[in-house]
Amino acid sequence: MKETDGQLVSDYLEGDEKALGFLIERYLKDVYNFAFKLTGDLQAAEDIAQDSFIKAWKHIRRYHQGGRYPFP
């Protein structure tokens, strides 16, 4: 069974470093593609995706599962 985002966040917060990798892997393509559609620039899209995941990581303790915006 596939773990939910909430479960992966919980696992990461409990010390499972791989859980964060699974989350990034789950969303990397979508975030990158969205950034590329906005910018039309490969390097800018990579930078935006990287910055997005860094910001999510910094605020991971604020994650709320089930809401429209999981990072209030």
Foldseek 3Di string as FASTA:
>chain_A
DDDDLVVLLVVVVVPDVVSLVVVCVVCVVVQLVVQCVVPVDNVRSVVRSVVVSVVCVVQSVQADPPDPDRRD
